[in-house]
Amino acid sequence: MSIGTGIALFVIGAILAFAVNLENSVVDLDMVGYLLMGAGTIVFLIGIILLVRKRQTVTTVQSGVDPSTGAGVTERRTASTPPADVV
């Protein structure tokens, strides 16, 4: 969700900075556009970082011999890192 929000902020900021040419003595629309573009970039990067953090996995492989049959046994466990908001 934050990736889409970042892209939307960037696009709205680019429209305000480069496409809108309204004379306004109260608010500088170019500066507002640049601020929105900067905020959109930051939100986009935070979204990418959080997406990458959620996909980390840990795989544990244990090998041994079953004492009753003498056959080799391999056990694999894969665990995903839970999101930070899950308790």
N, C-alpha and C. Protein backbone atom coordinates (compact mmCIF):
# COMPACT_ATOMS: atom_id res chain seq x y z
N MET A 1 0.82 -1.19 0.00
CA MET A 1 0.00 0.00 0.00
C MET A 1 0.87 1.26 0.00
N SER A 2 1.97 1.24 0.73
CA SER A 2 2.80 2.43 0.80
C SER A 2 3.54 2.69 -0.52
N ILE A 3 3.78 1.63 -1.30
CA ILE A 3 4.44 1.83 -2.59
C ILE A 3 3.52 2.62 -3.51
N GLY A 4 2.26 2.25 -3.56
CA GLY A 4 1.28 2.98 -4.39
C GLY A 4 1.07 4.40 -3.90
N THR A 5 1.07 4.60 -2.60
CA THR A 5 0.92 5.94 -2.04
C THR A 5 2.11 6.80 -2.42
N GLY A 6 3.31 6.24 -2.36
CA GLY A 6 4.50 6.99 -2.75
C GLY A 6 4.47 7.39 -4.21
N ILE A 7 4.05 6.48 -5.06
CA ILE A 7 3.96 6.79 -6.49
C ILE A 7 2.90 7.88 -6.73
N ALA A 8 1.77 7.77 -6.05
CA ALA A 8 0.70 8.77 -6.21
C ALA A 8 1.18 10.15 -5.75
N LEU A 9 1.88 10.22 -4.61
CA LEU A 9 2.40 11.51 -4.14
C LEU A 9 3.39 12.09 -5.13
N PHE A 10 4.25 11.25 -5.68
CA PHE A 10 5.24 11.72 -6.64
C PHE A 10 4.57 12.27 -7.90
N VAL A 11 3.56 11.56 -8.40
CA VAL A 11 2.87 12.01 -9.63
C VAL A 11 2.12 13.32 -9.39
N ILE A 12 1.43 13.42 -8.26
CA ILE A 12 0.71 14.67 -7.96
C ILE A 12 1.70 15.82 -7.81
N GLY A 13 2.83 15.56 -7.15
CA GLY A 13 3.85 16.59 -7.01
C GLY A 13 4.43 17.01 -8.34
N ALA A 14 4.67 16.05 -9.24
CA ALA A 14 5.20 16.38 -10.56
C ALA A 14 4.20 17.21 -11.37
N ILE A 15 2.93 16.88 -11.24
CA ILE A 15 1.91 17.67 -11.94
C ILE A 15 1.89 19.10 -11.41
N LEU A 16 1.95 19.25 -10.08
CA LEU A 16 1.94 20.60 -9.51
C LEU A 16 3.22 21.37 -9.88
N ALA A 17 4.34 20.69 -9.91
CA ALA A 17 5.61 21.39 -10.16
C ALA A 17 5.80 21.74 -11.63
N PHE A 18 5.39 20.87 -12.54
CA PHE A 18 5.75 21.08 -13.94
C PHE A 18 4.58 21.42 -14.86
N ALA A 19 3.35 21.07 -14.49
CA ALA A 19 2.24 21.24 -15.43
C ALA A 19 1.29 22.37 -15.05
N VAL A 20 1.24 22.74 -13.79
CA VAL A 20 0.29 23.77 -13.36
C VAL A 20 1.02 25.11 -13.33
N ASN A 21 0.49 26.09 -14.07
CA ASN A 21 1.09 27.43 -14.11
C ASN A 21 0.07 28.47 -13.67
N LEU A 22 -0.33 28.41 -12.42
CA LEU A 22 -1.27 29.38 -11.89
C LEU A 22 -0.51 30.42 -11.07
N GLU A 23 -0.82 31.67 -11.29
CA GLU A 23 -0.22 32.74 -10.49
C GLU A 23 -0.95 32.80 -9.16
N ASN A 24 -0.19 32.62 -8.09
CA ASN A 24 -0.78 32.58 -6.76
C ASN A 24 0.21 33.24 -5.82
N SER A 25 -0.24 34.27 -5.09
CA SER A 25 0.67 34.97 -4.18
C SER A 25 0.68 34.35 -2.78
N VAL A 26 -0.20 33.40 -2.51
CA VAL A 26 -0.30 32.81 -1.18
C VAL A 26 0.57 31.56 -1.07
N VAL A 27 0.49 30.66 -2.05
CA VAL A 27 1.19 29.39 -2.00
C VAL A 27 2.02 29.22 -3.26
N ASP A 28 3.28 28.82 -3.09
CA ASP A 28 4.13 28.53 -4.24
C ASP A 28 3.89 27.08 -4.64
N LEU A 29 3.13 26.88 -5.73
CA LEU A 29 2.76 25.53 -6.16
C LEU A 29 3.96 24.71 -6.62
N ASP A 30 4.99 25.38 -7.14
CA ASP A 30 6.20 24.63 -7.52
C ASP A 30 6.84 24.01 -6.29
N MET A 31 6.95 24.77 -5.20
CA MET A 31 7.56 24.24 -3.98
C MET A 31 6.71 23.13 -3.38
N VAL A 32 5.39 23.27 -3.41
CA VAL A 32 4.51 22.21 -2.91
C VAL A 32 4.69 20.95 -3.75
N GLY A 33 4.82 21.12 -5.05
CA GLY A 33 5.05 19.98 -5.93
C GLY A 33 6.35 19.28 -5.62
N TYR A 34 7.42 20.06 -5.43
CA TYR A 34 8.72 19.45 -5.09
C TYR A 34 8.67 18.74 -3.74
N LEU A 35 7.97 19.33 -2.78
CA LEU A 35 7.83 18.67 -1.47
C LEU A 35 7.06 17.36 -1.58
N LEU A 36 5.99 17.36 -2.37
CA LEU A 36 5.24 16.11 -2.57
C LEU A 36 6.06 15.07 -3.30
N MET A 37 6.87 15.49 -4.24
CA MET A 37 7.73 14.54 -4.95
C MET A 37 8.76 13.93 -3.99
N GLY A 38 9.33 14.75 -3.11
CA GLY A 38 10.28 14.25 -2.13
C GLY A 38 9.61 13.30 -1.15
N ALA A 39 8.42 13.67 -0.68
CA ALA A 39 7.70 12.80 0.25
C ALA A 39 7.32 11.49 -0.43
N GLY A 40 6.92 11.55 -1.69
CA GLY A 40 6.57 10.34 -2.43
C GLY A 40 7.77 9.41 -2.58
N THR A 41 8.94 9.98 -2.83
CA THR A 41 10.15 9.17 -2.95
C THR A 41 10.47 8.48 -1.63
N ILE A 42 10.36 9.21 -0.53
CA ILE A 42 10.66 8.64 0.79
C ILE A 42 9.66 7.53 1.13
N VAL A 43 8.38 7.77 0.89
CA VAL A 43 7.36 6.76 1.18
C VAL A 43 7.57 5.52 0.32
N PHE A 44 7.92 5.71 -0.94
CA PHE A 44 8.19 4.59 -1.85
C PHE A 44 9.37 3.76 -1.34
N LEU A 45 10.45 4.41 -0.94
CA LEU A 45 11.62 3.69 -0.45
C LEU A 45 11.33 2.95 0.86
N ILE A 46 10.57 3.56 1.75
CA ILE A 46 10.19 2.89 2.99
C ILE A 46 9.33 1.67 2.69
N GLY A 47 8.43 1.78 1.72
CA GLY A 47 7.61 0.64 1.33
C GLY A 47 8.43 -0.51 0.78
N ILE A 48 9.44 -0.19 -0.04
CA ILE A 48 10.32 -1.23 -0.59
C ILE A 48 11.10 -1.90 0.54
N ILE A 49 11.63 -1.11 1.47
CA ILE A 49 12.41 -1.67 2.59
C ILE A 49 11.54 -2.59 3.44
N LEU A 50 10.32 -2.16 3.74
CA LEU A 50 9.43 -3.00 4.55
C LEU A 50 9.03 -4.27 3.80
N LEU A 51 8.87 -4.18 2.50
CA LEU A 51 8.53 -5.36 1.71
C LEU A 51 9.66 -6.37 1.73
N VAL A 52 10.88 -5.90 1.63
CA VAL A 52 12.04 -6.79 1.65
C VAL A 52 12.22 -7.42 3.03
N ARG A 53 11.98 -6.65 4.09
CA ARG A 53 12.12 -7.17 5.44
C ARG A 53 11.13 -8.29 5.74
N LYS A 54 9.94 -8.20 5.22
CA LYS A 54 8.91 -9.21 5.48
C LYS A 54 9.22 -10.54 4.81
N ARG A 55 10.01 -10.53 3.77
CA ARG A 55 10.23 -11.75 3.00
C ARG A 55 11.48 -12.51 3.42
N GLN A 56 12.11 -12.12 4.51
CA GLN A 56 13.28 -12.86 4.96
C GLN A 56 12.86 -14.20 5.54
N THR A 57 13.57 -15.26 5.19
CA THR A 57 13.28 -16.58 5.70
C THR A 57 14.55 -17.21 6.25
N VAL A 58 14.36 -18.12 7.17
CA VAL A 58 15.47 -18.87 7.75
C VAL A 58 15.20 -20.34 7.50
N THR A 59 16.17 -21.03 6.92
CA THR A 59 16.04 -22.46 6.66
C THR A 59 17.08 -23.21 7.49
N THR A 60 16.62 -24.20 8.25
CA THR A 60 17.50 -25.02 9.07
C THR A 60 17.46 -26.45 8.55
N VAL A 61 18.62 -27.02 8.29
CA VAL A 61 18.72 -28.39 7.82
C VAL A 61 19.51 -29.19 8.85
N GLN A 62 18.91 -30.29 9.31
CA GLN A 62 19.58 -31.17 10.25
C GLN A 62 19.66 -32.56 9.62
N SER A 63 20.85 -33.15 9.67
CA SER A 63 21.04 -34.50 9.14
C SER A 63 21.47 -35.41 10.28
N GLY A 64 21.02 -36.64 10.21
CA GLY A 64 21.39 -37.59 11.24
C GLY A 64 21.03 -39.00 10.81
N VAL A 65 21.20 -39.95 11.73
CA VAL A 65 20.89 -41.35 11.46
C VAL A 65 19.80 -41.79 12.42
N ASP A 66 18.76 -42.42 11.86
CA ASP A 66 17.68 -42.96 12.68
C ASP A 66 18.21 -44.19 13.43
N PRO A 67 18.18 -44.16 14.78
CA PRO A 67 18.77 -45.27 15.53
C PRO A 67 18.04 -46.59 15.35
N SER A 68 16.75 -46.57 15.06
CA SER A 68 16.01 -47.83 14.95
C SER A 68 16.24 -48.53 13.61
N THR A 69 16.38 -47.77 12.53
CA THR A 69 16.55 -48.41 11.23
C THR A 69 17.95 -48.25 10.67
N GLY A 70 18.71 -47.32 11.18
CA GLY A 70 20.06 -47.09 10.66
C GLY A 70 20.07 -46.30 9.37
N ALA A 71 18.92 -45.78 8.95
CA ALA A 71 18.84 -45.02 7.70
C ALA A 71 19.13 -43.55 7.97
N GLY A 72 19.61 -42.85 6.94
CA GLY A 72 19.88 -41.42 7.07
C GLY A 72 18.58 -40.62 7.08
N VAL A 73 18.54 -39.61 7.90
CA VAL A 73 17.35 -38.77 8.03
C VAL A 73 17.77 -37.31 7.84
N THR A 74 17.03 -36.60 7.01
CA THR A 74 17.25 -35.17 6.82
C THR A 74 15.97 -34.44 7.18
N GLU A 75 16.08 -33.45 8.03
CA GLU A 75 14.92 -32.68 8.46
C GLU A 75 15.13 -31.23 8.03
N ARG A 76 14.13 -30.67 7.37
CA ARG A 76 14.20 -29.28 6.91
C ARG A 76 13.09 -28.48 7.58
N ARG A 77 13.44 -27.30 8.05
CA ARG A 77 12.46 -26.39 8.64
C ARG A 77 12.67 -25.01 8.02
N THR A 78 11.60 -24.42 7.59
CA THR A 78 11.65 -23.07 7.03
C THR A 78 10.73 -22.18 7.85
N ALA A 79 11.26 -21.06 8.28
CA ALA A 79 10.47 -20.12 9.09
C ALA A 79 10.58 -18.73 8.47
N SER A 80 9.46 -18.07 8.34
CA SER A 80 9.45 -16.69 7.86
C SER A 80 9.50 -15.76 9.05
N THR A 81 10.14 -14.65 8.85
CA THR A 81 10.15 -13.67 9.92
C THR A 81 8.79 -13.01 10.00
N PRO A 82 8.18 -13.00 11.17
CA PRO A 82 6.86 -12.39 11.29
C PRO A 82 6.94 -10.88 11.15
N PRO A 83 5.88 -10.24 10.68
CA PRO A 83 5.86 -8.79 10.63
C PRO A 83 6.00 -8.21 12.03
N ALA A 84 6.47 -6.98 12.09
CA ALA A 84 6.75 -6.35 13.38
C ALA A 84 5.49 -6.13 14.21
N ASP A 85 4.33 -5.99 13.58
CA ASP A 85 3.10 -5.71 14.33
C ASP A 85 2.40 -6.96 14.86
N VAL A 86 2.90 -8.17 14.53
CA VAL A 86 2.31 -9.39 15.03
C VAL A 86 2.97 -9.75 16.36
N VAL A 87 2.15 -10.02 17.35
CA VAL A 87 2.69 -10.33 18.68
C VAL A 87 2.69 -11.81 18.90
